[in-house]
Structures are given as C-alpha cells and as structure tokens.
Amino acid sequence: MVLSTFNMAVIRSFLGAIAFYTAIPLPPSWPLDFGRVARWAPLVGLLLGGCLAVVDAVLQGWGMPILTRSGIAIALWVMLTGGLHLDGVADAADGLAVTEPQRRLSVMQDSLTGAFGVMAVTLVLLLKVAALNDLPGDRWLMLMAAAGWGRWGQVAAIAFYPYLKPTGKGAFHKQVMRLPQDLLWSLPVLLVFPLLLAGGWQVAIALALNGICIALLVGFWFYRRFGGQTGDTYGAIVEWTEVLFLVSCTLWLRAIV
C-alpha cells in the first residue's frame, strides 16, 4: 500500500512536469502535482528530444534534405515547449541591455519584447538550426542530450544561486527544492543513456563532460551578470545551454564518431 502510494505520487509529479514544461496536452482527468517539478525537467528534456528525433528520422526516410529537417526540428522544438524558455531568452537579453543594474528586473518584467530580446531569440534559433545541420551523425542522440543537459543546467541554477524576487514564475522552484536529491534525481539517466543507446563509452563520456561544463558555466555567467536568478534567467539558461552544447558538438564529435 505504501509502495503504491509512493508510485502514484511519482507519476503525478512527472505528469505535472510534462504539463508545466511542455505544450503537450494531457487528459484533464489525469492527476497532476506541480510541487518539485524541476527535478523532472532533464527527463522531460530527454522525452522532448526523443520526439524530435523520431520526427527527424521519419523525414529523413522520406528523403527530406538535412537543412530543411533541421529547421523543422527546431520549429517543432519551440512548439512542444510553447516557447516557454525562449521568452526567458528575450527578457534576459532586454535586461542585460540596461546599463543600470537596479533597473534590470523591472525591464525584464515588461511584457513588451525589446530589440535586444528579438536579436537574442533570433540568434538562438539560427545557431540551433546551423549546428543541427552540421552535426556529423547521431542527430537523435544530440537532440536528446542537448534538451536534457539544458534543463539540468536550470536545475543546477535553482540549486546553487539565490532567487532575486520574493515572488515570480520561478520562485516556487527555489522554495520547494530539496538538495542534493533533486539536483541528482535525473543525473544517472543523463550520464548512462548515451552508453545504453549509442553503445560508445567515448561518446558517453564526452557528452557528459560537455553537458555538465556548459550547463554550470552558463548558469554561473547569468549569476555574475544579475547577482542571482529569476524565472527568465532559468529559461535563458536552458536555451543557451542547448545552443552551446550543439555548437560545441560540431567541433569535437567528428573526432570520435
């Protein structure tokens, strides 16, 4: 009975994470628990990456050129997340454009997107398409790994850095997080799944080191620029970690595949 109750709580929490982090529709009768959903974010990322990989494989089987497939994959990526993290990219960029640090949070709260926000979102999308187009192989693996490590970077930022506002769309993550278990919750899967699916320990180790380093460095960079984190910087961390992960993979992956 206790085990069954625990299993149901885990299922409700995971479904809550899917509902929170994606635009995937769930039946309204399904029970959802939004408490501590951040711990599931990297696994939700793997799920999103897997969906993109399936679509990419189908389009490849139909003979679609790689550049077009890359553009469709990124467009579908945005659709599946509802643009949740891209909004953070835009707001964080607008905040960074302000020379007075004390005004940055108020600018980021403005619902209107400024020129710097538009440029940042454009760069993210262009770099993702370009990097995905230039990957030498195992696109499915890179899609899953990028989405997974991008969201692990968000979890790390929640764990390590102060939240700058008493309320906000990301405040509850910080309030309910339990350490170290929530930070480590999905880490074994992120480390092991490339080895199980791709079968190469060199690739698995390279992906792990690449993902951990980029995720931590991006979160630290935003911390140094803002002095803490907000819901917008959480989203920006996800997107920029994904971008830098894919771009870096175009450099080193050719040497080991």
C-alpha atoms as a PDB file:
ATOM      1  CA  MET A   1       0.000   0.000   0.000  1.00  0.00           C
ATOM      2  CA  VAL A   2       2.823   2.387   0.920  1.00  0.00           C
ATOM      3  CA  LEU A   3       4.718   1.478  -2.261  1.00  0.00           C
ATOM      4  CA  SER A   4       1.599   2.003  -4.369  1.00  0.00           C
ATOM      5  CA  THR A   5       1.044   5.428  -2.804  1.00  0.00           C
ATOM      6  CA  PHE A   6       4.669   6.347  -3.499  1.00  0.00           C
ATOM      7  CA  ASN A   7       4.393   5.233  -7.119  1.00  0.00           C
ATOM      8  CA  MET A   8       1.254   7.305  -7.639  1.00  0.00           C
ATOM      9  CA  ALA A   9       2.949  10.348  -6.139  1.00  0.00           C
ATOM     10  CA  VAL A  10       5.891   9.927  -8.511  1.00  0.00           C
ATOM     11  CA  ILE A  11       3.572   9.559 -11.508  1.00  0.00           C
ATOM     12  CA  ARG A  12       1.588  12.664 -10.542  1.00  0.00           C
ATOM     13  CA  SER A  13       4.806  14.621 -10.145  1.00  0.00           C
ATOM     14  CA  PHE A  14       6.150  13.530 -13.536  1.00  0.00           C
ATOM     15  CA  LEU A  15       2.862  14.337 -15.257  1.00  0.00           C
ATOM     16  CA  GLY A  16       2.927  17.722 -13.561  1.00  0.00           C
ATOM     17  CA  ALA A  17       6.387  18.320 -15.016  1.00  0.00           C
ATOM     18  CA  ILE A  18       5.172  17.462 -18.519  1.00  0.00           C
ATOM     19  CA  ALA A  19       2.239  19.844 -18.139  1.00  0.00           C
ATOM     20  CA  PHE A  20       4.462  22.601 -16.721  1.00  0.00           C
ATOM     21  CA  TYR A  21       7.412  22.390 -19.114  1.00  0.00           C
ATOM     22  CA  THR A  22       5.734  21.436 -22.372  1.00  0.00           C
ATOM     23  CA  ALA A  23       2.718  22.221 -24.517  1.00  0.00           C
ATOM     24  CA  ILE A  24       1.870  18.535 -24.801  1.00  0.00           C
ATOM     25  CA  PRO A  25      -1.861  18.177 -23.979  1.00  0.00           C
ATOM     26  CA  LEU A  26      -2.739  15.784 -21.176  1.00  0.00           C
ATOM     27  CA  PRO A  27      -6.222  14.483 -20.373  1.00  0.00           C
ATOM     28  CA  PRO A  28      -7.872  16.807 -17.823  1.00  0.00           C
ATOM     29  CA  SER A  29      -8.761  13.834 -15.635  1.00  0.00           C
ATOM     30  CA  TRP A  30      -5.120  12.895 -15.076  1.00  0.00           C
ATOM     31  CA  PRO A  31      -3.851  13.890 -11.607  1.00  0.00           C
ATOM     32  CA  LEU A  32      -1.036  16.438 -11.617  1.00  0.00           C
ATOM     33  CA  ASP A  33       1.356  17.516  -8.886  1.00  0.00           C
ATOM     34  CA  PHE A  34       3.400  20.650  -9.627  1.00  0.00           C
ATOM     35  CA  GLY A  35       5.470  20.530  -6.467  1.00  0.00           C
ATOM     36  CA  ARG A  36       9.186  19.890  -7.118  1.00  0.00           C
ATOM     37  CA  VAL A  37       8.626  19.530 -10.864  1.00  0.00           C
ATOM     38  CA  ALA A  38      12.085  20.990 -11.534  1.00  0.00           C
ATOM     39  CA  ARG A  39      13.737  17.680 -10.640  1.00  0.00           C
ATOM     40  CA  TRP A  40      11.984  16.098 -13.632  1.00  0.00           C
ATOM     41  CA  ALA A  41      12.996  18.815 -16.116  1.00  0.00           C
ATOM     42  CA  PRO A  42      16.034  16.981 -17.571  1.00  0.00           C
ATOM     43  CA  LEU A  43      13.993  13.810 -18.113  1.00  0.00           C
ATOM     44  CA  VAL A  44      11.264  15.854 -19.771  1.00  0.00           C
ATOM     45  CA  GLY A  45      14.036  17.221 -21.970  1.00  0.00           C
ATOM     46  CA  LEU A  46      15.060  13.703 -22.961  1.00  0.00           C
ATOM     47  CA  LEU A  47      11.425  12.985 -23.830  1.00  0.00           C
ATOM     48  CA  LEU A  48      11.217  16.120 -25.979  1.00  0.00           C
ATOM     49  CA  GLY A  49      14.480  15.273 -27.689  1.00  0.00           C
ATOM     50  CA  GLY A  50      13.222  11.771 -28.380  1.00  0.00           C
ATOM     51  CA  CYS A  51      10.072  13.144 -30.023  1.00  0.00           C
ATOM     52  CA  LEU A  52      12.189  15.413 -32.220  1.00  0.00           C
ATOM     53  CA  ALA A  53      14.456  12.502 -33.125  1.00  0.00           C
ATOM     54  CA  VAL A  54      11.514  10.365 -34.247  1.00  0.00           C
ATOM     55  CA  VAL A  55      10.174  13.130 -36.483  1.00  0.00           C
ATOM     56  CA  ASP A  56      13.658  13.753 -37.880  1.00  0.00           C
ATOM     57  CA  ALA A  57      14.113  10.054 -38.671  1.00  0.00           C
ATOM     58  CA  VAL A  58      10.750   9.899 -40.457  1.00  0.00           C
ATOM     59  CA  LEU A  59      11.555  12.957 -42.555  1.00  0.00           C
ATOM     60  CA  GLN A  60      14.949  11.506 -43.393  1.00  0.00           C
ATOM     61  CA  GLY A  61      13.260   8.322 -44.563  1.00  0.00           C
ATOM     62  CA  TRP A  62      11.104  10.419 -46.879  1.00  0.00           C
ATOM     63  CA  GLY A  63      14.240  11.903 -48.412  1.00  0.00           C
ATOM     64  CA  MET A  64      13.950  15.421 -46.999  1.00  0.00           C
ATOM     65  CA  PRO A  65      17.226  17.430 -47.140  1.00  0.00           C
ATOM     66  CA  ILE A  66      19.100  17.843 -43.877  1.00  0.00           C
ATOM     67  CA  LEU A  67      18.839  21.634 -43.663  1.00  0.00           C
ATOM     68  CA  THR A  68      15.070  21.530 -44.045  1.00  0.00           C
ATOM     69  CA  ARG A  69      14.848  18.744 -41.461  1.00  0.00           C
ATOM     70  CA  SER A  70      16.941  20.819 -39.078  1.00  0.00           C
ATOM     71  CA  GLY A  71      14.638  23.807 -39.448  1.00  0.00           C
ATOM     72  CA  ILE A  72      11.549  21.665 -38.897  1.00  0.00           C
ATOM     73  CA  ALA A  73      13.128  20.053 -35.824  1.00  0.00           C
ATOM     74  CA  ILE A  74      13.825  23.436 -34.244  1.00  0.00           C
ATOM     75  CA  ALA A  75      10.338  24.720 -35.111  1.00  0.00           C
ATOM     76  CA  LEU A  76       8.812  21.632 -33.519  1.00  0.00           C
ATOM     77  CA  TRP A  77      11.101  22.131 -30.511  1.00  0.00           C
ATOM     78  CA  VAL A  78       9.590  25.582 -29.994  1.00  0.00           C
ATOM     79  CA  MET A  79       6.051  24.268 -30.452  1.00  0.00           C
ATOM     80  CA  LEU A  80       6.469  21.420 -27.949  1.00  0.00           C
ATOM     81  CA  THR A  81       7.735  23.800 -25.280  1.00  0.00           C
ATOM     82  CA  GLY A  82       5.275  26.556 -26.096  1.00  0.00           C
ATOM     83  CA  GLY A  83       8.190  28.983 -26.355  1.00  0.00           C
ATOM     84  CA  LEU A  84       8.483  28.851 -22.550  1.00  0.00           C
ATOM     85  CA  HIS A  85      12.257  29.213 -22.411  1.00  0.00           C
ATOM     86  CA  LEU A  86      12.600  31.479 -25.440  1.00  0.00           C
ATOM     87  CA  ASP A  87      10.556  34.045 -23.543  1.00  0.00           C
ATOM     88  CA  GLY A  88      13.255  33.960 -20.881  1.00  0.00           C
ATOM     89  CA  VAL A  89      15.941  34.456 -23.527  1.00  0.00           C
ATOM     90  CA  ALA A  90      14.201  37.595 -24.769  1.00  0.00           C
ATOM     91  CA  ASP A  91      13.532  39.065 -21.323  1.00  0.00           C
ATOM     92  CA  ALA A  92      17.044  38.311 -20.045  1.00  0.00           C
ATOM     93  CA  ALA A  93      18.588  39.938 -23.117  1.00  0.00           C
ATOM     94  CA  ASP A  94      16.453  43.052 -22.661  1.00  0.00           C
ATOM     95  CA  GLY A  95      17.505  43.173 -19.022  1.00  0.00           C
ATOM     96  CA  LEU A  96      21.189  42.842 -19.857  1.00  0.00           C
ATOM     97  CA  ALA A  97      20.858  45.697 -22.344  1.00  0.00           C
ATOM     98  CA  VAL A  98      20.091  48.075 -19.474  1.00  0.00           C
ATOM     99  CA  THR A  99      23.229  49.760 -18.158  1.00  0.00           C
ATOM    100  CA  GLU A 100      21.745  50.375 -14.698  1.00  0.00           C
ATOM    101  CA  PRO A 101      21.658  47.021 -12.831  1.00  0.00           C
ATOM    102  CA  GLN A 102      18.922  48.180 -10.445  1.00  0.00           C
ATOM    103  CA  ARG A 103      16.537  48.661 -13.392  1.00  0.00           C
ATOM    104  CA  ARG A 104      17.107  45.280 -14.998  1.00  0.00           C
ATOM    105  CA  LEU A 105      14.413  43.367 -13.142  1.00  0.00           C
ATOM    106  CA  SER A 106      11.746  45.946 -13.920  1.00  0.00           C
ATOM    107  CA  VAL A 107      12.686  45.879 -17.609  1.00  0.00           C
ATOM    108  CA  MET A 108      12.534  42.079 -17.633  1.00  0.00           C
ATOM    109  CA  GLN A 109       9.023  42.191 -16.165  1.00  0.00           C
ATOM    110  CA  ASP A 110       7.779  44.327 -19.060  1.00  0.00           C
ATOM    111  CA  SER A 111       5.574  42.206 -21.324  1.00  0.00           C
ATOM    112  CA  LEU A 112       6.886  44.002 -24.426  1.00  0.00           C
ATOM    113  CA  THR A 113       9.954  42.488 -26.086  1.00  0.00           C
ATOM    114  CA  GLY A 114      12.692  44.928 -26.999  1.00  0.00           C
ATOM    115  CA  ALA A 115      15.193  44.920 -29.834  1.00  0.00           C
ATOM    116  CA  PHE A 116      17.828  43.034 -27.846  1.00  0.00           C
ATOM    117  CA  GLY A 117      15.307  40.351 -26.931  1.00  0.00           C
ATOM    118  CA  VAL A 118      14.352  39.857 -30.575  1.00  0.00           C
ATOM    119  CA  MET A 119      18.001  39.629 -31.587  1.00  0.00           C
ATOM    120  CA  ALA A 120      18.765  37.108 -28.845  1.00  0.00           C
ATOM    121  CA  VAL A 121      15.880  34.823 -29.824  1.00  0.00           C
ATOM    122  CA  THR A 122      16.870  35.065 -33.492  1.00  0.00           C
ATOM    123  CA  LEU A 123      20.448  34.105 -32.674  1.00  0.00           C
ATOM    124  CA  VAL A 124      19.339  31.126 -30.579  1.00  0.00           C
ATOM    125  CA  LEU A 125      17.142  29.744 -33.353  1.00  0.00           C
ATOM    126  CA  LEU A 126      19.674  30.360 -36.122  1.00  0.00           C
ATOM    127  CA  LEU A 127      22.525  28.767 -34.183  1.00  0.00           C
ATOM    128  CA  LYS A 128      20.410  25.730 -33.332  1.00  0.00           C
ATOM    129  CA  VAL A 129      19.455  25.166 -36.959  1.00  0.00           C
ATOM    130  CA  ALA A 130      23.040  25.678 -38.146  1.00  0.00           C
ATOM    131  CA  ALA A 131      24.552  23.399 -35.505  1.00  0.00           C
ATOM    132  CA  LEU A 132      21.990  20.663 -36.033  1.00  0.00           C
ATOM    133  CA  ASN A 133      22.620  20.844 -39.779  1.00  0.00           C
ATOM    134  CA  ASP A 134      26.391  20.471 -39.280  1.00  0.00           C
ATOM    135  CA  LEU A 135      26.397  17.573 -36.815  1.00  0.00           C
ATOM    136  CA  PRO A 136      28.312  14.668 -38.378  1.00  0.00           C
ATOM    137  CA  GLY A 137      25.969  11.937 -37.139  1.00  0.00           C
ATOM    138  CA  ASP A 138      23.764  10.643 -34.334  1.00  0.00           C
ATOM    139  CA  ARG A 139      21.436  13.627 -34.584  1.00  0.00           C
ATOM    140  CA  TRP A 140      18.886  11.805 -32.425  1.00  0.00           C
ATOM    141  CA  LEU A 141      21.443  11.452 -29.641  1.00  0.00           C
ATOM    142  CA  MET A 142      22.455  15.108 -29.822  1.00  0.00           C
ATOM    143  CA  LEU A 143      18.830  16.281 -29.737  1.00  0.00           C
ATOM    144  CA  MET A 144      18.114  14.240 -26.622  1.00  0.00           C
ATOM    145  CA  ALA A 145      21.360  15.179 -24.893  1.00  0.00           C
ATOM    146  CA  ALA A 146      21.025  18.900 -25.644  1.00  0.00           C
ATOM    147  CA  ALA A 147      17.461  19.070 -24.309  1.00  0.00           C
ATOM    148  CA  GLY A 148      18.401  17.029 -21.247  1.00  0.00           C
ATOM    149  CA  TRP A 149      21.525  18.935 -20.258  1.00  0.00           C
ATOM    150  CA  GLY A 150      19.891  22.284 -20.968  1.00  0.00           C
ATOM    151  CA  ARG A 151      17.277  21.544 -18.343  1.00  0.00           C
ATOM    152  CA  TRP A 152      19.794  20.096 -15.904  1.00  0.00           C
ATOM    153  CA  GLY A 153      21.545  23.459 -16.115  1.00  0.00           C
ATOM    154  CA  GLN A 154      18.310  25.073 -14.998  1.00  0.00           C
ATOM    155  CA  VAL A 155      18.046  22.711 -12.030  1.00  0.00           C
ATOM    156  CA  ALA A 156      21.657  23.497 -11.078  1.00  0.00           C
ATOM    157  CA  ALA A 157      20.934  27.232 -11.228  1.00  0.00           C
ATOM    158  CA  ILE A 158      17.909  26.777  -8.966  1.00  0.00           C
ATOM    159  CA  ALA A 159      20.038  24.814  -6.521  1.00  0.00           C
ATOM    160  CA  PHE A 160      23.157  26.975  -6.402  1.00  0.00           C
ATOM    161  CA  TYR A 161      22.057  30.596  -6.731  1.00  0.00           C
ATOM    162  CA  PRO A 162      19.667  32.938  -4.907  1.00  0.00           C
ATOM    163  CA  TYR A 163      16.350  33.911  -6.419  1.00  0.00           C
ATOM    164  CA  LEU A 164      16.144  37.669  -6.898  1.00  0.00           C
ATOM    165  CA  LYS A 165      12.426  38.226  -6.328  1.00  0.00           C
ATOM    166  CA  PRO A 166      10.131  37.191  -3.464  1.00  0.00           C
ATOM    167  CA  THR A 167       7.561  36.045  -5.985  1.00  0.00           C
ATOM    168  CA  GLY A 168       7.569  35.161  -9.655  1.00  0.00           C
ATOM    169  CA  LYS A 169       7.077  32.328 -12.084  1.00  0.00           C
ATOM    170  CA  GLY A 170      10.254  30.594 -10.943  1.00  0.00           C
ATOM    171  CA  ALA A 171      10.204  31.407  -7.222  1.00  0.00           C
ATOM    172  CA  PHE A 172       8.409  28.245  -6.127  1.00  0.00           C
ATOM    173  CA  HIS A 173      11.147  26.062  -7.640  1.00  0.00           C
ATOM    174  CA  LYS A 174      13.663  27.502  -5.205  1.00  0.00           C
ATOM    175  CA  GLN A 175      11.273  27.276  -2.269  1.00  0.00           C
ATOM    176  CA  VAL A 176      10.436  23.582  -2.651  1.00  0.00           C
ATOM    177  CA  MET A 177      13.751  22.212  -3.924  1.00  0.00           C
ATOM    178  CA  ARG A 178      15.386  19.529  -1.806  1.00  0.00           C
ATOM    179  CA  LEU A 179      19.126  19.103  -2.038  1.00  0.00           C
ATOM    180  CA  PRO A 180      21.054  17.179  -3.085  1.00  0.00           C
ATOM    181  CA  GLN A 181      18.391  14.691  -4.233  1.00  0.00           C
ATOM    182  CA  ASP A 182      16.551  16.981  -6.678  1.00  0.00           C
ATOM    183  CA  LEU A 183      19.807  18.001  -8.348  1.00  0.00           C
ATOM    184  CA  LEU A 184      20.931  14.374  -8.653  1.00  0.00           C
ATOM    185  CA  TRP A 185      17.494  12.950  -9.481  1.00  0.00           C
ATOM    186  CA  SER A 186      17.982  12.705 -13.251  1.00  0.00           C
ATOM    187  CA  LEU A 187      21.784  12.795 -13.421  1.00  0.00           C
ATOM    188  CA  PRO A 188      22.290   8.998 -13.644  1.00  0.00           C
ATOM    189  CA  VAL A 189      19.973   8.810 -16.666  1.00  0.00           C
ATOM    190  CA  LEU A 190      21.736  11.705 -18.395  1.00  0.00           C
ATOM    191  CA  LEU A 191      25.089  10.019 -17.836  1.00  0.00           C
ATOM    192  CA  VAL A 192      24.093   6.487 -18.808  1.00  0.00           C
ATOM    193  CA  PHE A 193      21.560   6.799 -21.643  1.00  0.00           C
ATOM    194  CA  PRO A 194      24.146   7.587 -24.383  1.00  0.00           C
ATOM    195  CA  LEU A 195      26.089   4.471 -23.402  1.00  0.00           C
ATOM    196  CA  LEU A 196      22.974   2.288 -23.492  1.00  0.00           C
ATOM    197  CA  LEU A 197      21.582   3.682 -26.728  1.00  0.00           C
ATOM    198  CA  ALA A 198      24.705   4.568 -28.700  1.00  0.00           C
ATOM    199  CA  GLY A 199      27.000   1.918 -27.270  1.00  0.00           C
ATOM    200  CA  GLY A 200      30.178   4.022 -27.262  1.00  0.00           C
ATOM    201  CA  TRP A 201      31.801   4.966 -23.979  1.00  0.00           C
ATOM    202  CA  GLN A 202      33.878   7.696 -25.648  1.00  0.00           C
ATOM    203  CA  VAL A 203      30.750   9.457 -26.837  1.00  0.00           C
ATOM    204  CA  ALA A 204      29.022   8.970 -23.476  1.00  0.00           C
ATOM    205  CA  ILE A 205      31.926  10.480 -21.527  1.00  0.00           C
ATOM    206  CA  ALA A 206      32.325  13.356 -23.980  1.00  0.00           C
ATOM    207  CA  LEU A 207      28.616  14.187 -23.844  1.00  0.00           C
ATOM    208  CA  ALA A 208      28.620  14.093 -20.040  1.00  0.00           C
ATOM    209  CA  LEU A 209      31.640  16.360 -19.649  1.00  0.00           C
ATOM    210  CA  ASN A 210      30.377  18.703 -22.338  1.00  0.00           C
ATOM    211  CA  GLY A 211      26.896  18.903 -20.834  1.00  0.00           C
ATOM    212  CA  ILE A 212      27.966  19.394 -17.227  1.00  0.00           C
ATOM    213  CA  CYS A 213      30.589  22.034 -18.016  1.00  0.00           C
ATOM    214  CA  ILE A 214      28.386  24.105 -20.326  1.00  0.00           C
ATOM    215  CA  ALA A 215      25.336  23.882 -18.051  1.00  0.00           C
ATOM    216  CA  LEU A 216      27.279  25.027 -14.992  1.00  0.00           C
ATOM    217  CA  LEU A 217      29.160  27.779 -16.826  1.00  0.00           C
ATOM    218  CA  VAL A 218      26.025  29.265 -18.394  1.00  0.00           C
ATOM    219  CA  GLY A 219      24.256  29.359 -15.024  1.00  0.00           C
ATOM    220  CA  PHE A 220      27.314  30.959 -13.414  1.00  0.00           C
ATOM    221  CA  TRP A 221      27.527  33.567 -16.165  1.00  0.00           C
ATOM    222  CA  PHE A 222      23.934  34.670 -15.616  1.00  0.00           C
ATOM    223  CA  TYR A 223      24.526  34.718 -11.856  1.00  0.00           C
ATOM    224  CA  ARG A 224      27.505  37.030 -12.280  1.00  0.00           C
ATOM    225  CA  ARG A 225      25.585  39.348 -14.592  1.00  0.00           C
ATOM    226  CA  PHE A 226      22.441  39.588 -12.464  1.00  0.00           C
ATOM    227  CA  GLY A 227      23.635  38.695  -8.974  1.00  0.00           C
ATOM    228  CA  GLY A 228      21.110  35.871  -8.801  1.00  0.00           C
ATOM    229  CA  GLN A 229      18.448  34.146 -10.868  1.00  0.00           C
ATOM    230  CA  THR A 230      14.871  34.749 -11.977  1.00  0.00           C
ATOM    231  CA  GLY A 231      12.343  32.730 -13.914  1.00  0.00           C
ATOM    232  CA  ASP A 232      13.576  34.466 -17.064  1.00  0.00           C
ATOM    233  CA  THR A 233      17.215  33.556 -16.477  1.00  0.00           C
ATOM    234  CA  TYR A 234      16.153  29.951 -15.796  1.00  0.00           C
ATOM    235  CA  GLY A 235      14.633  29.859 -19.271  1.00  0.00           C
ATOM    236  CA  ALA A 236      17.646  31.585 -20.805  1.00  0.00           C
ATOM    237  CA  ILE A 237      19.965  29.047 -19.188  1.00  0.00           C
ATOM    238  CA  VAL A 238      18.022  26.211 -20.805  1.00  0.00           C
ATOM    239  CA  GLU A 239      18.174  27.730 -24.281  1.00  0.00           C
ATOM    240  CA  TRP A 240      21.779  28.924 -24.226  1.00  0.00           C
ATOM    241  CA  THR A 241      22.988  25.626 -22.779  1.00  0.00           C
ATOM    242  CA  GLU A 242      21.212  23.795 -25.599  1.00  0.00           C
ATOM    243  CA  VAL A 243      22.752  26.136 -28.184  1.00  0.00           C
ATOM    244  CA  LEU A 244      26.301  25.936 -26.854  1.00  0.00           C
ATOM    245  CA  PHE A 245      26.020  22.186 -26.425  1.00  0.00           C
ATOM    246  CA  LEU A 246      25.008  21.652 -30.053  1.00  0.00           C
ATOM    247  CA  VAL A 247      27.582  24.129 -31.365  1.00  0.00           C
ATOM    248  CA  SER A 248      30.380  22.523 -29.366  1.00  0.00           C
ATOM    249  CA  CYS A 249      29.360  19.080 -30.599  1.00  0.00           C
ATOM    250  CA  THR A 250      30.050  20.170 -34.179  1.00  0.00           C
ATOM    251  CA  LEU A 251      33.668  20.734 -33.141  1.00  0.00           C
ATOM    252  CA  TRP A 252      34.639  17.625 -31.202  1.00  0.00           C
ATOM    253  CA  LEU A 253      32.141  14.986 -32.316  1.00  0.00           C
ATOM    254  CA  ARG A 254      33.813  14.376 -35.679  1.00  0.00           C
ATOM    255  CA  ALA A 255      36.954  13.198 -33.914  1.00  0.00           C
ATOM    256  CA  ILE A 256      35.272  10.320 -32.089  1.00  0.00           C
ATOM    257  CA  VAL A 257      32.419   9.104 -34.325  1.00  0.00           C
END
